[in-house]
Amino acid sequence: MHELSVTESLLALTLQHAQAAQAQHVTGVHVVIGQLSSVIDESVQFYWDLIASGTMAEGARLHFRRVPATFRCVDCGHTFGLSSDTLDCPACHSLRIKLAAGEELYLEALDIEPATVWLKECAA
């Protein structure tokens, strides 16, 4: 259910940036989601279709880019991916590791149709 609040935040950011860019319509929304975040793409899309209705983002296609979880060993500096076996460093077997990536959740880019700029012509 937390996807609703996530989607509301994404829509608010989308509309804010689209208005600042003087867009007429948002056609695509690019979202980055880390492997360890609990956000489900399909739920975000479902809520998006409901709450974006009637806005300049109505009908926009959501593009999800998943970031794999990676860790960095504090002792030797080795960077490695998530393994189902163990969380120790595969290079030195230290358990002193830090999450380097995988919890991301952010709006990366928007595809927009630019606003029509009306120019007043002066007749001489």
PDB file of N, CA and C in Angstrom:
ATOM      1  N   MET A   1       0.814  -1.205   0.000  1.00  0.00           N
ATOM      2  CA  MET A   1       0.000   0.000   0.000  1.00  0.00           C
ATOM      3  C   MET A   1       0.854   1.264   0.000  1.00  0.00           C
ATOM      4  N   HIS A   2       2.120   1.164   0.447  1.00  0.00           N
ATOM      5  CA  HIS A   2       2.962   2.362   0.471  1.00  0.00           C
ATOM      6  C   HIS A   2       3.282   2.850  -0.934  1.00  0.00           C
ATOM      7  N   GLU A   3       3.014   2.024  -1.960  1.00  0.00           N
ATOM      8  CA  GLU A   3       3.247   2.464  -3.328  1.00  0.00           C
ATOM      9  C   GLU A   3       2.365   3.658  -3.689  1.00  0.00           C
ATOM     10  N   LEU A   4       1.201   3.789  -3.040  1.00  0.00           N
ATOM     11  CA  LEU A   4       0.343   4.937  -3.311  1.00  0.00           C
ATOM     12  C   LEU A   4       1.048   6.230  -2.923  1.00  0.00           C
ATOM     13  N   SER A   5       1.623   6.287  -1.739  1.00  0.00           N
ATOM     14  CA  SER A   5       2.313   7.517  -1.325  1.00  0.00           C
ATOM     15  C   SER A   5       3.567   7.759  -2.168  1.00  0.00           C
ATOM     16  N   VAL A   6       4.258   6.692  -2.544  1.00  0.00           N
ATOM     17  CA  VAL A   6       5.419   6.822  -3.435  1.00  0.00           C
ATOM     18  C   VAL A   6       4.975   7.400  -4.769  1.00  0.00           C
ATOM     19  N   THR A   7       3.879   6.883  -5.299  1.00  0.00           N
ATOM     20  CA  THR A   7       3.373   7.337  -6.600  1.00  0.00           C
ATOM     21  C   THR A   7       2.878   8.770  -6.522  1.00  0.00           C
ATOM     22  N   GLU A   8       2.249   9.137  -5.425  1.00  0.00           N
ATOM     23  CA  GLU A   8       1.809  10.533  -5.247  1.00  0.00           C
ATOM     24  C   GLU A   8       3.011  11.470  -5.250  1.00  0.00           C
ATOM     25  N   SER A   9       4.084  11.069  -4.606  1.00  0.00           N
ATOM     26  CA  SER A   9       5.301  11.893  -4.595  1.00  0.00           C
ATOM     27  C   SER A   9       5.919  11.994  -5.987  1.00  0.00           C
ATOM     28  N   LEU A  10       5.950  10.870  -6.710  1.00  0.00           N
ATOM     29  CA  LEU A  10       6.480  10.888  -8.076  1.00  0.00           C
ATOM     30  C   LEU A  10       5.652  11.797  -8.979  1.00  0.00           C
ATOM     31  N   LEU A  11       4.341  11.749  -8.830  1.00  0.00           N
ATOM     32  CA  LEU A  11       3.480  12.606  -9.647  1.00  0.00           C
ATOM     33  C   LEU A  11       3.703  14.077  -9.303  1.00  0.00           C
ATOM     34  N   ALA A  12       3.794  14.391  -8.025  1.00  0.00           N
ATOM     35  CA  ALA A  12       4.030  15.781  -7.617  1.00  0.00           C
ATOM     36  C   ALA A  12       5.351  16.299  -8.189  1.00  0.00           C
ATOM     37  N   LEU A  13       6.403  15.494  -8.102  1.00  0.00           N
ATOM     38  CA  LEU A  13       7.696  15.897  -8.673  1.00  0.00           C
ATOM     39  C   LEU A  13       7.621  16.038 -10.192  1.00  0.00           C
ATOM     40  N   THR A  14       6.923  15.100 -10.819  1.00  0.00           N
ATOM     41  CA  THR A  14       6.766  15.134 -12.270  1.00  0.00           C
ATOM     42  C   THR A  14       6.079  16.419 -12.703  1.00  0.00           C
ATOM     43  N   LEU A  15       4.977  16.756 -12.061  1.00  0.00           N
ATOM     44  CA  LEU A  15       4.226  17.960 -12.434  1.00  0.00           C
ATOM     45  C   LEU A  15       5.035  19.215 -12.151  1.00  0.00           C
ATOM     46  N   GLN A  16       5.749  19.225 -11.046  1.00  0.00           N
ATOM     47  CA  GLN A  16       6.579  20.387 -10.696  1.00  0.00           C
ATOM     48  C   GLN A  16       7.644  20.633 -11.769  1.00  0.00           C
ATOM     49  N   HIS A  17       8.359  19.592 -12.155  1.00  0.00           N
ATOM     50  CA  HIS A  17       9.424  19.749 -13.154  1.00  0.00           C
ATOM     51  C   HIS A  17       8.856  20.016 -14.550  1.00  0.00           C
ATOM     52  N   ALA A  18       7.742  19.398 -14.869  1.00  0.00           N
ATOM     53  CA  ALA A  18       7.127  19.619 -16.179  1.00  0.00           C
ATOM     54  C   ALA A  18       6.644  21.063 -16.311  1.00  0.00           C
ATOM     55  N   GLN A  19       6.048  21.587 -15.256  1.00  0.00           N
ATOM     56  CA  GLN A  19       5.601  22.980 -15.294  1.00  0.00           C
ATOM     57  C   GLN A  19       6.782  23.936 -15.391  1.00  0.00           C
ATOM     58  N   ALA A  20       7.855  23.640 -14.682  1.00  0.00           N
ATOM     59  CA  ALA A  20       9.052  24.484 -14.747  1.00  0.00           C
ATOM     60  C   ALA A  20       9.651  24.479 -16.152  1.00  0.00           C
ATOM     61  N   ALA A  21       9.488  23.362 -16.868  1.00  0.00           N
ATOM     62  CA  ALA A  21      10.000  23.254 -18.241  1.00  0.00           C
ATOM     63  C   ALA A  21       8.977  23.738 -19.267  1.00  0.00           C
ATOM     64  N   GLN A  22       7.859  24.247 -18.799  1.00  0.00           N
ATOM     65  CA  GLN A  22       6.775  24.753 -19.650  1.00  0.00           C
ATOM     66  C   GLN A  22       6.259  23.685 -20.611  1.00  0.00           C
ATOM     67  N   ALA A  23       6.115  22.486 -20.094  1.00  0.00           N
ATOM     68  CA  ALA A  23       5.617  21.365 -20.896  1.00  0.00           C
ATOM     69  C   ALA A  23       4.112  21.458 -21.056  1.00  0.00           C
ATOM     70  N   GLN A  24       3.644  20.919 -22.161  1.00  0.00           N
ATOM     71  CA  GLN A  24       2.206  20.779 -22.360  1.00  0.00           C
ATOM     72  C   GLN A  24       1.742  19.421 -21.872  1.00  0.00           C
ATOM     73  N   HIS A  25       2.604  18.425 -22.076  1.00  0.00           N
ATOM     74  CA  HIS A  25       2.219  17.052 -21.752  1.00  0.00           C
ATOM     75  C   HIS A  25       3.463  16.245 -21.393  1.00  0.00           C
ATOM     76  N   VAL A  26       3.322  15.380 -20.410  1.00  0.00           N
ATOM     77  CA  VAL A  26       4.388  14.452 -20.044  1.00  0.00           C
ATOM     78  C   VAL A  26       4.079  13.124 -20.725  1.00  0.00           C
ATOM     79  N   THR A  27       5.023  12.627 -21.520  1.00  0.00           N
ATOM     80  CA  THR A  27       4.804  11.367 -22.233  1.00  0.00           C
ATOM     81  C   THR A  27       5.529  10.189 -21.609  1.00  0.00           C
ATOM     82  N   GLY A  28       6.566  10.469 -20.819  1.00  0.00           N
ATOM     83  CA  GLY A  28       7.327   9.387 -20.183  1.00  0.00           C
ATOM     84  C   GLY A  28       7.933   9.835 -18.873  1.00  0.00           C
ATOM     85  N   VAL A  29       7.976   8.912 -17.930  1.00  0.00           N
ATOM     86  CA  VAL A  29       8.549   9.176 -16.615  1.00  0.00           C
ATOM     87  C   VAL A  29       9.543   8.053 -16.326  1.00  0.00           C
ATOM     88  N   HIS A  30      10.798   8.426 -16.082  1.00  0.00           N
ATOM     89  CA  HIS A  30      11.862   7.449 -15.840  1.00  0.00           C
ATOM     90  C   HIS A  30      12.167   7.413 -14.343  1.00  0.00           C
ATOM     91  N   VAL A  31      11.967   6.241 -13.756  1.00  0.00           N
ATOM     92  CA  VAL A  31      12.107   6.064 -12.314  1.00  0.00           C
ATOM     93  C   VAL A  31      13.184   5.019 -12.042  1.00  0.00           C
ATOM     94  N   VAL A  32      14.072   5.325 -11.101  1.00  0.00           N
ATOM     95  CA  VAL A  32      15.119   4.391 -10.690  1.00  0.00           C
ATOM     96  C   VAL A  32      14.704   3.785  -9.352  1.00  0.00           C
ATOM     97  N   ILE A  33      14.747   2.445  -9.288  1.00  0.00           N
ATOM     98  CA  ILE A  33      14.346   1.727  -8.077  1.00  0.00           C
ATOM     99  C   ILE A  33      15.430   0.709  -7.733  1.00  0.00           C
ATOM    100  N   GLY A  34      15.926   0.768  -6.524  1.00  0.00           N
ATOM    101  CA  GLY A  34      16.934  -0.174  -6.063  1.00  0.00           C
ATOM    102  C   GLY A  34      16.350  -1.546  -5.778  1.00  0.00           C
ATOM    103  N   GLN A  35      17.166  -2.561  -5.968  1.00  0.00           N
ATOM    104  CA  GLN A  35      16.763  -3.951  -5.764  1.00  0.00           C
ATOM    105  C   GLN A  35      16.231  -4.200  -4.354  1.00  0.00           C
ATOM    106  N   LEU A  36      16.780  -3.517  -3.361  1.00  0.00           N
ATOM    107  CA  LEU A  36      16.383  -3.747  -1.978  1.00  0.00           C
ATOM    108  C   LEU A  36      15.214  -2.877  -1.523  1.00  0.00           C
ATOM    109  N   SER A  37      14.755  -1.969  -2.383  1.00  0.00           N
ATOM    110  CA  SER A  37      13.577  -1.195  -2.010  1.00  0.00           C
ATOM    111  C   SER A  37      12.369  -2.119  -2.118  1.00  0.00           C
ATOM    112  N   SER A  38      11.345  -1.815  -1.402  1.00  0.00           N
ATOM    113  CA  SER A  38      10.170  -2.690  -1.396  1.00  0.00           C
ATOM    114  C   SER A  38       9.098  -2.215  -2.376  1.00  0.00           C
ATOM    115  N   VAL A  39       9.483  -1.387  -3.330  1.00  0.00           N
ATOM    116  CA  VAL A  39       8.533  -0.827  -4.291  1.00  0.00           C
ATOM    117  C   VAL A  39       8.307  -1.811  -5.437  1.00  0.00           C
ATOM    118  N   ILE A  40       7.045  -2.031  -5.761  1.00  0.00           N
ATOM    119  CA  ILE A  40       6.661  -2.950  -6.831  1.00  0.00           C
ATOM    120  C   ILE A  40       6.225  -2.133  -8.046  1.00  0.00           C
ATOM    121  N   ASP A  41       6.914  -2.349  -9.168  1.00  0.00           N
ATOM    122  CA  ASP A  41       6.667  -1.579 -10.390  1.00  0.00           C
ATOM    123  C   ASP A  41       5.194  -1.574 -10.783  1.00  0.00           C
ATOM    124  N   GLU A  42       4.578  -2.739 -10.793  1.00  0.00           N
ATOM    125  CA  GLU A  42       3.191  -2.864 -11.245  1.00  0.00           C
ATOM    126  C   GLU A  42       2.235  -2.069 -10.358  1.00  0.00           C
ATOM    127  N   SER A  43       2.522  -2.006  -9.070  1.00  0.00           N
ATOM    128  CA  SER A  43       1.676  -1.232  -8.159  1.00  0.00           C
ATOM    129  C   SER A  43       1.813   0.261  -8.425  1.00  0.00           C
ATOM    130  N   VAL A  44       3.043   0.701  -8.659  1.00  0.00           N
ATOM    131  CA  VAL A  44       3.260   2.110  -8.973  1.00  0.00           C
ATOM    132  C   VAL A  44       2.522   2.468 -10.265  1.00  0.00           C
ATOM    133  N   GLN A  45       2.614   1.618 -11.272  1.00  0.00           N
ATOM    134  CA  GLN A  45       1.924   1.866 -12.536  1.00  0.00           C
ATOM    135  C   GLN A  45       0.408   1.917 -12.323  1.00  0.00           C
ATOM    136  N   PHE A  46      -0.127   1.002 -11.530  1.00  0.00           N
ATOM    137  CA  PHE A  46      -1.562   0.958 -11.242  1.00  0.00           C
ATOM    138  C   PHE A  46      -2.021   2.274 -10.612  1.00  0.00           C
ATOM    139  N   TYR A  47      -1.316   2.714  -9.562  1.00  0.00           N
ATOM    140  CA  TYR A  47      -1.683   3.954  -8.893  1.00  0.00           C
ATOM    141  C   TYR A  47      -1.466   5.158  -9.797  1.00  0.00           C
ATOM    142  N   TRP A  48      -0.422   5.115 -10.602  1.00  0.00           N
ATOM    143  CA  TRP A  48      -0.150   6.222 -11.531  1.00  0.00           C
ATOM    144  C   TRP A  48      -1.336   6.425 -12.463  1.00  0.00           C
ATOM    145  N   ASP A  49      -1.815   5.333 -13.033  1.00  0.00           N
ATOM    146  CA  ASP A  49      -2.939   5.431 -13.966  1.00  0.00           C
ATOM    147  C   ASP A  49      -4.168   6.053 -13.300  1.00  0.00           C
ATOM    148  N   LEU A  50      -4.342   5.821 -12.018  1.00  0.00           N
ATOM    149  CA  LEU A  50      -5.484   6.394 -11.290  1.00  0.00           C
ATOM    150  C   LEU A  50      -5.278   7.863 -10.955  1.00  0.00           C
ATOM    151  N   ILE A  51      -4.153   8.202 -10.370  1.00  0.00           N
ATOM    152  CA  ILE A  51      -3.988   9.562  -9.838  1.00  0.00           C
ATOM    153  C   ILE A  51      -3.491  10.575 -10.867  1.00  0.00           C
ATOM    154  N   ALA A  52      -2.912  10.108 -11.968  1.00  0.00           N
ATOM    155  CA  ALA A  52      -2.438  11.050 -12.996  1.00  0.00           C
ATOM    156  C   ALA A  52      -3.570  11.476 -13.923  1.00  0.00           C
ATOM    157  N   SER A  53      -4.700  10.820 -13.816  1.00  0.00           N
ATOM    158  CA  SER A  53      -5.852  11.154 -14.662  1.00  0.00           C
ATOM    159  C   SER A  53      -6.233  12.624 -14.482  1.00  0.00           C
ATOM    160  N   GLY A  54      -6.387  13.317 -15.594  1.00  0.00           N
ATOM    161  CA  GLY A  54      -6.762  14.722 -15.558  1.00  0.00           C
ATOM    162  C   GLY A  54      -5.600  15.687 -15.402  1.00  0.00           C
ATOM    163  N   THR A  55      -4.382  15.168 -15.317  1.00  0.00           N
ATOM    164  CA  THR A  55      -3.204  16.033 -15.209  1.00  0.00           C
ATOM    165  C   THR A  55      -2.443  16.000 -16.540  1.00  0.00           C
ATOM    166  N   MET A  56      -1.419  16.828 -16.648  1.00  0.00           N
ATOM    167  CA  MET A  56      -0.611  16.826 -17.871  1.00  0.00           C
ATOM    168  C   MET A  56       0.216  15.547 -18.001  1.00  0.00           C
ATOM    169  N   ALA A  57       0.205  14.707 -16.963  1.00  0.00           N
ATOM    170  CA  ALA A  57       0.941  13.442 -16.995  1.00  0.00           C
ATOM    171  C   ALA A  57       0.026  12.253 -17.292  1.00  0.00           C
ATOM    172  N   GLU A  58      -1.226  12.526 -17.563  1.00  0.00           N
ATOM    173  CA  GLU A  58      -2.151  11.436 -17.872  1.00  0.00           C
ATOM    174  C   GLU A  58      -1.661  10.683 -19.109  1.00  0.00           C
ATOM    175  N   GLY A  59      -1.624   9.369 -19.021  1.00  0.00           N
ATOM    176  CA  GLY A  59      -1.197   8.540 -20.141  1.00  0.00           C
ATOM    177  C   GLY A  59       0.312   8.408 -20.291  1.00  0.00           C
ATOM    178  N   ALA A  60       1.073   9.064 -19.415  1.00  0.00           N
ATOM    179  CA  ALA A  60       2.541   8.965 -19.499  1.00  0.00           C
ATOM    180  C   ALA A  60       2.968   7.532 -19.227  1.00  0.00           C
ATOM    181  N   ARG A  61       3.961   7.095 -19.969  1.00  0.00           N
ATOM    182  CA  ARG A  61       4.496   5.740 -19.782  1.00  0.00           C
ATOM    183  C   ARG A  61       5.580   5.776 -18.715  1.00  0.00           C
ATOM    184  N   LEU A  62       5.477   4.885 -17.744  1.00  0.00           N
ATOM    185  CA  LEU A  62       6.491   4.791 -16.705  1.00  0.00           C
ATOM    186  C   LEU A  62       7.577   3.821 -17.150  1.00  0.00           C
ATOM    187  N   HIS A  63       8.820   4.252 -17.029  1.00  0.00           N
ATOM    188  CA  HIS A  63       9.979   3.429 -17.375  1.00  0.00           C
ATOM    189  C   HIS A  63      10.735   3.177 -16.070  1.00  0.00           C
ATOM    190  N   PHE A  64      10.855   1.920 -15.692  1.00  0.00           N
ATOM    191  CA  PHE A  64      11.536   1.572 -14.451  1.00  0.00           C
ATOM    192  C   PHE A  64      12.927   1.030 -14.757  1.00  0.00           C
ATOM    193  N   ARG A  65      13.906   1.557 -14.043  1.00  0.00           N
ATOM    194  CA  ARG A  65      15.271   1.032 -14.138  1.00  0.00           C
ATOM    195  C   ARG A  65      15.642   0.519 -12.760  1.00  0.00           C
ATOM    196  N   ARG A  66      15.890  -0.769 -12.686  1.00  0.00           N
ATOM    197  CA  ARG A  66      16.247  -1.405 -11.415  1.00  0.00           C
ATOM    198  C   ARG A  66      17.760  -1.359 -11.215  1.00  0.00           C
ATOM    199  N   VAL A  67      18.174  -0.969 -10.019  1.00  0.00           N
ATOM    200  CA  VAL A  67      19.592  -0.925  -9.658  1.00  0.00           C
ATOM    201  C   VAL A  67      19.880  -2.117  -8.760  1.00  0.00           C
ATOM    202  N   PRO A  68      20.820  -2.978  -9.151  1.00  0.00           N
ATOM    203  CA  PRO A  68      21.126  -4.139  -8.314  1.00  0.00           C
ATOM    204  C   PRO A  68      21.805  -3.721  -7.007  1.00  0.00           C
ATOM    205  N   ALA A  69      21.600  -4.531  -5.992  1.00  0.00           N
ATOM    206  CA  ALA A  69      22.256  -4.280  -4.709  1.00  0.00           C
ATOM    207  C   ALA A  69      23.740  -4.598  -4.840  1.00  0.00           C
ATOM    208  N   THR A  70      24.561  -3.683  -4.389  1.00  0.00           N
ATOM    209  CA  THR A  70      26.005  -3.915  -4.339  1.00  0.00           C
ATOM    210  C   THR A  70      26.528  -3.482  -2.982  1.00  0.00           C
ATOM    211  N   PHE A  71      27.572  -4.153  -2.559  1.00  0.00           N
ATOM    212  CA  PHE A  71      28.177  -3.895  -1.267  1.00  0.00           C
ATOM    213  C   PHE A  71      29.654  -3.572  -1.449  1.00  0.00           C
ATOM    214  N   ARG A  72      30.215  -2.877  -0.476  1.00  0.00           N
ATOM    215  CA  ARG A  72      31.641  -2.562  -0.480  1.00  0.00           C
ATOM    216  C   ARG A  72      32.233  -3.009   0.843  1.00  0.00           C
ATOM    217  N   CYS A  73      33.328  -3.712   0.758  1.00  0.00           N
ATOM    218  CA  CYS A  73      34.018  -4.198   1.949  1.00  0.00           C
ATOM    219  C   CYS A  73      34.788  -3.046   2.587  1.00  0.00           C
ATOM    220  N   VAL A  74      34.583  -2.839   3.860  1.00  0.00           N
ATOM    221  CA  VAL A  74      35.272  -1.776   4.592  1.00  0.00           C
ATOM    222  C   VAL A  74      36.765  -2.090   4.733  1.00  0.00           C
ATOM    223  N   ASP A  75      37.090  -3.363   4.832  1.00  0.00           N
ATOM    224  CA  ASP A  75      38.484  -3.747   5.068  1.00  0.00           C
ATOM    225  C   ASP A  75      39.348  -3.720   3.811  1.00  0.00           C
ATOM    226  N   CYS A  76      38.849  -4.288   2.701  1.00  0.00           N
ATOM    227  CA  CYS A  76      39.707  -4.369   1.506  1.00  0.00           C
ATOM    228  C   CYS A  76      39.216  -3.504   0.340  1.00  0.00           C
ATOM    229  N   GLY A  77      38.014  -2.928   0.440  1.00  0.00           N
ATOM    230  CA  GLY A  77      37.501  -2.053  -0.613  1.00  0.00           C
ATOM    231  C   GLY A  77      36.850  -2.765  -1.780  1.00  0.00           C
ATOM    232  N   HIS A  78      36.785  -4.082  -1.742  1.00  0.00           N
ATOM    233  CA  HIS A  78      36.177  -4.858  -2.829  1.00  0.00           C
ATOM    234  C   HIS A  78      34.674  -4.565  -2.913  1.00  0.00           C
ATOM    235  N   THR A  79      34.178  -4.395  -4.138  1.00  0.00           N
ATOM    236  CA  THR A  79      32.757  -4.181  -4.375  1.00  0.00           C
ATOM    237  C   THR A  79      32.175  -5.442  -4.985  1.00  0.00           C
ATOM    238  N   PHE A  80      31.024  -5.858  -4.474  1.00  0.00           N
ATOM    239  CA  PHE A  80      30.425  -7.112  -4.937  1.00  0.00           C
ATOM    240  C   PHE A  80      28.907  -7.053  -4.846  1.00  0.00           C
ATOM    241  N   GLY A  81      28.265  -7.940  -5.573  1.00  0.00           N
ATOM    242  CA  GLY A  81      26.814  -7.998  -5.614  1.00  0.00           C
ATOM    243  C   GLY A  81      26.237  -8.867  -4.513  1.00  0.00           C
ATOM    244  N   LEU A  82      24.932  -8.806  -4.417  1.00  0.00           N
ATOM    245  CA  LEU A  82      24.198  -9.581  -3.423  1.00  0.00           C
ATOM    246  C   LEU A  82      24.240 -11.057  -3.780  1.00  0.00           C
ATOM    247  N   SER A  83      24.572 -11.872  -2.799  1.00  0.00           N
ATOM    248  CA  SER A  83      24.618 -13.321  -2.975  1.00  0.00           C
ATOM    249  C   SER A  83      23.659 -13.944  -1.970  1.00  0.00           C
ATOM    250  N   SER A  84      23.023 -15.013  -2.376  1.00  0.00           N
ATOM    251  CA  SER A  84      22.086 -15.662  -1.458  1.00  0.00           C
ATOM    252  C   SER A  84      22.811 -16.499  -0.411  1.00  0.00           C
ATOM    253  N   ASP A  85      24.090 -16.765  -0.632  1.00  0.00           N
ATOM    254  CA  ASP A  85      24.842 -17.621   0.287  1.00  0.00           C
ATOM    255  C   ASP A  85      25.189 -16.907   1.594  1.00  0.00           C
ATOM    256  N   THR A  86      25.894 -15.792   1.477  1.00  0.00           N
ATOM    257  CA  THR A  86      26.414 -15.107   2.663  1.00  0.00           C
ATOM    258  C   THR A  86      26.667 -13.640   2.325  1.00  0.00           C
ATOM    259  N   LEU A  87      26.830 -12.837   3.337  1.00  0.00           N
ATOM    260  CA  LEU A  87      27.119 -11.424   3.108  1.00  0.00           C
ATOM    261  C   LEU A  87      28.568 -11.064   3.407  1.00  0.00           C
ATOM    262  N   ASP A  88      29.436 -12.051   3.535  1.00  0.00           N
ATOM    263  CA  ASP A  88      30.840 -11.711   3.761  1.00  0.00           C
ATOM    264  C   ASP A  88      31.496 -11.363   2.424  1.00  0.00           C
ATOM    265  N   CYS A  89      32.587 -10.629   2.500  1.00  0.00           N
ATOM    266  CA  CYS A  89      33.313 -10.199   1.306  1.00  0.00           C
ATOM    267  C   CYS A  89      33.907 -11.429   0.612  1.00  0.00           C
ATOM    268  N   PRO A  90      33.646 -11.594  -0.680  1.00  0.00           N
ATOM    269  CA  PRO A  90      34.210 -12.736  -1.388  1.00  0.00           C
ATOM    270  C   PRO A  90      35.732 -12.643  -1.568  1.00  0.00           C
ATOM    271  N   ALA A  91      36.299 -11.440  -1.410  1.00  0.00           N
ATOM    272  CA  ALA A  91      37.743 -11.286  -1.584  1.00  0.00           C
ATOM    273  C   ALA A  91      38.524 -11.592  -0.305  1.00  0.00           C
ATOM    274  N   CYS A  92      38.045 -11.069   0.849  1.00  0.00           N
ATOM    275  CA  CYS A  92      38.811 -11.245   2.088  1.00  0.00           C
ATOM    276  C   CYS A  92      37.995 -11.900   3.211  1.00  0.00           C
ATOM    277  N   HIS A  93      36.731 -12.168   2.944  1.00  0.00           N
ATOM    278  CA  HIS A  93      35.807 -12.823   3.883  1.00  0.00           C
ATOM    279  C   HIS A  93      35.475 -11.994   5.121  1.00  0.00           C
ATOM    280  N   SER A  94      35.726 -10.713   5.056  1.00  0.00           N
ATOM    281  CA  SER A  94      35.349  -9.823   6.152  1.00  0.00           C
ATOM    282  C   SER A  94      33.828  -9.674   6.194  1.00  0.00           C
ATOM    283  N   LEU A  95      33.303  -9.473   7.373  1.00  0.00           N
ATOM    284  CA  LEU A  95      31.871  -9.199   7.532  1.00  0.00           C
ATOM    285  C   LEU A  95      31.601  -7.710   7.675  1.00  0.00           C
ATOM    286  N   ARG A  96      32.666  -6.921   7.577  1.00  0.00           N
ATOM    287  CA  ARG A  96      32.519  -5.461   7.685  1.00  0.00           C
ATOM    288  C   ARG A  96      32.244  -4.896   6.293  1.00  0.00           C
ATOM    289  N   ILE A  97      30.978  -4.900   5.939  1.00  0.00           N
ATOM    290  CA  ILE A  97      30.573  -4.434   4.613  1.00  0.00           C
ATOM    291  C   ILE A  97      29.544  -3.320   4.749  1.00  0.00           C
ATOM    292  N   LYS A  98      29.470  -2.512   3.713  1.00  0.00           N
ATOM    293  CA  LYS A  98      28.488  -1.421   3.657  1.00  0.00           C
ATOM    294  C   LYS A  98      27.729  -1.512   2.352  1.00  0.00           C
ATOM    295  N   LEU A  99      26.465  -1.165   2.410  1.00  0.00           N
ATOM    296  CA  LEU A  99      25.638  -1.129   1.213  1.00  0.00           C
ATOM    297  C   LEU A  99      26.095   0.031   0.334  1.00  0.00           C
ATOM    298  N   ALA A 100      26.431  -0.249  -0.916  1.00  0.00           N
ATOM    299  CA  ALA A 100      26.879   0.791  -1.848  1.00  0.00           C
ATOM    300  C   ALA A 100      25.754   1.238  -2.768  1.00  0.00           C
ATOM    301  N   ALA A 101      24.847   0.342  -3.109  1.00  0.00           N
ATOM    302  CA  ALA A 101      23.720   0.672  -3.989  1.00  0.00           C
ATOM    303  C   ALA A 101      22.633  -0.375  -3.796  1.00  0.00           C
ATOM    304  N   GLY A 102      21.404   0.023  -4.125  1.00  0.00           N
ATOM    305  CA  GLY A 102      20.307  -0.929  -4.075  1.00  0.00           C
ATOM    306  C   GLY A 102      19.082  -0.456  -3.326  1.00  0.00           C
ATOM    307  N   GLU A 103      19.166   0.705  -2.668  1.00  0.00           N
ATOM    308  CA  GLU A 103      18.004   1.245  -1.959  1.00  0.00           C
ATOM    309  C   GLU A 103      17.433   2.488  -2.655  1.00  0.00           C
ATOM    310  N   GLU A 104      17.901   2.775  -3.846  1.00  0.00           N
ATOM    311  CA  GLU A 104      17.497   3.986  -4.551  1.00  0.00           C
ATOM    312  C   GLU A 104      15.992   3.998  -4.856  1.00  0.00           C
ATOM    313  N   LEU A 105      15.463   5.187  -4.911  1.00  0.00           N
ATOM    314  CA  LEU A 105      14.109   5.421  -5.407  1.00  0.00           C
ATOM    315  C   LEU A 105      14.042   6.897  -5.760  1.00  0.00           C
ATOM    316  N   TYR A 106      14.148   7.188  -7.065  1.00  0.00           N
ATOM    317  CA  TYR A 106      14.105   8.586  -7.472  1.00  0.00           C
ATOM    318  C   TYR A 106      13.638   8.742  -8.907  1.00  0.00           C
ATOM    319  N   LEU A 107      13.188   9.949  -9.200  1.00  0.00           N
ATOM    320  CA  LEU A 107      12.775  10.341 -10.539  1.00  0.00           C
ATOM    321  C   LEU A 107      14.037  10.729 -11.295  1.00  0.00           C
ATOM    322  N   GLU A 108      14.304  10.017 -12.394  1.00  0.00           N
ATOM    323  CA  GLU A 108      15.542  10.243 -13.138  1.00  0.00           C
ATOM    324  C   GLU A 108      15.364  11.234 -14.286  1.00  0.00           C
ATOM    325  N   ALA A 109      14.270  11.112 -15.031  1.00  0.00           N
ATOM    326  CA  ALA A 109      14.076  11.973 -16.203  1.00  0.00           C
ATOM    327  C   ALA A 109      12.610  11.982 -16.602  1.00  0.00           C
ATOM    328  N   LEU A 110      12.253  12.986 -17.382  1.00  0.00           N
ATOM    329  CA  LEU A 110      10.907  13.106 -17.934  1.00  0.00           C
ATOM    330  C   LEU A 110      10.991  13.263 -19.442  1.00  0.00           C
ATOM    331  N   ASP A 111      10.066  12.639 -20.144  1.00  0.00           N
ATOM    332  CA  ASP A 111       9.883  12.904 -21.565  1.00  0.00           C
ATOM    333  C   ASP A 111       8.680  13.824 -21.660  1.00  0.00           C
ATOM    334  N   ILE A 112       8.880  14.985 -22.264  1.00  0.00           N
ATOM    335  CA  ILE A 112       7.795  15.970 -22.326  1.00  0.00           C
ATOM    336  C   ILE A 112       7.609  16.469 -23.746  1.00  0.00           C
ATOM    337  N   GLU A 113       6.412  16.964 -23.983  1.00  0.00           N
ATOM    338  CA  GLU A 113       6.128  17.704 -25.213  1.00  0.00           C
ATOM    339  C   GLU A 113       6.197  19.163 -24.831  1.00  0.00           C
ATOM    340  N   PRO A 114       7.055  19.917 -25.480  1.00  0.00           N
ATOM    341  CA  PRO A 114       7.229  21.320 -25.075  1.00  0.00           C
ATOM    342  C   PRO A 114       5.967  22.135 -25.306  1.00  0.00           C
ATOM    343  N   ALA A 115       5.844  23.132 -24.483  1.00  0.00           N
ATOM    344  CA  ALA A 115       4.702  24.038 -24.589  1.00  0.00           C
ATOM    345  C   ALA A 115       4.841  24.893 -25.845  1.00  0.00           C
ATOM    346  N   THR A 116       3.731  25.241 -26.411  1.00  0.00           N
ATOM    347  CA  THR A 116       3.731  26.159 -27.541  1.00  0.00           C
ATOM    348  C   THR A 116       4.008  27.560 -27.025  1.00  0.00           C
ATOM    349  N   VAL A 117       4.958  28.207 -27.649  1.00  0.00           N
ATOM    350  CA  VAL A 117       5.283  29.575 -27.255  1.00  0.00           C
ATOM    351  C   VAL A 117       4.619  30.510 -28.244  1.00  0.00           C
ATOM    352  N   TRP A 118       3.746  31.358 -27.738  1.00  0.00           N
ATOM    353  CA  TRP A 118       3.041  32.312 -28.593  1.00  0.00           C
ATOM    354  C   TRP A 118       3.822  33.616 -28.610  1.00  0.00           C
ATOM    355  N   LEU A 119       4.189  34.026 -29.792  1.00  0.00           N
ATOM    356  CA  LEU A 119       4.933  35.278 -29.938  1.00  0.00           C
ATOM    357  C   LEU A 119       4.017  36.324 -30.556  1.00  0.00           C
ATOM    358  N   LYS A 120       4.074  37.519 -30.034  1.00  0.00           N
ATOM    359  CA  LYS A 120       3.280  38.627 -30.560  1.00  0.00           C
ATOM    360  C   LYS A 120       4.111  39.341 -31.617  1.00  0.00           C
ATOM    361  N   GLU A 121       3.632  39.321 -32.812  1.00  0.00           N
ATOM    362  CA  GLU A 121       4.371  39.974 -33.894  1.00  0.00           C
ATOM    363  C   GLU A 121       3.891  41.420 -34.014  1.00  0.00           C
ATOM    364  N   CYS A 122       4.817  42.283 -34.257  1.00  0.00           N
ATOM    365  CA  CYS A 122       4.491  43.694 -34.420  1.00  0.00           C
ATOM    366  C   CYS A 122       4.532  44.044 -35.897  1.00  0.00           C
ATOM    367  N   ALA A 123       3.489  44.658 -36.362  1.00  0.00           N
ATOM    368  CA  ALA A 123       3.461  45.099 -37.757  1.00  0.00           C
ATOM    369  C   ALA A 123       3.988  46.533 -37.809  1.00  0.00           C
ATOM    370  N   ALA A 124       4.897  46.762 -38.745  1.00  0.00           N
ATOM    371  CA  ALA A 124       5.476  48.098 -38.848  1.00  0.00           C
ATOM    372  C   ALA A 124       4.818  48.887 -39.927  1.00  0.00           C
TER     373      ALA A 124
END
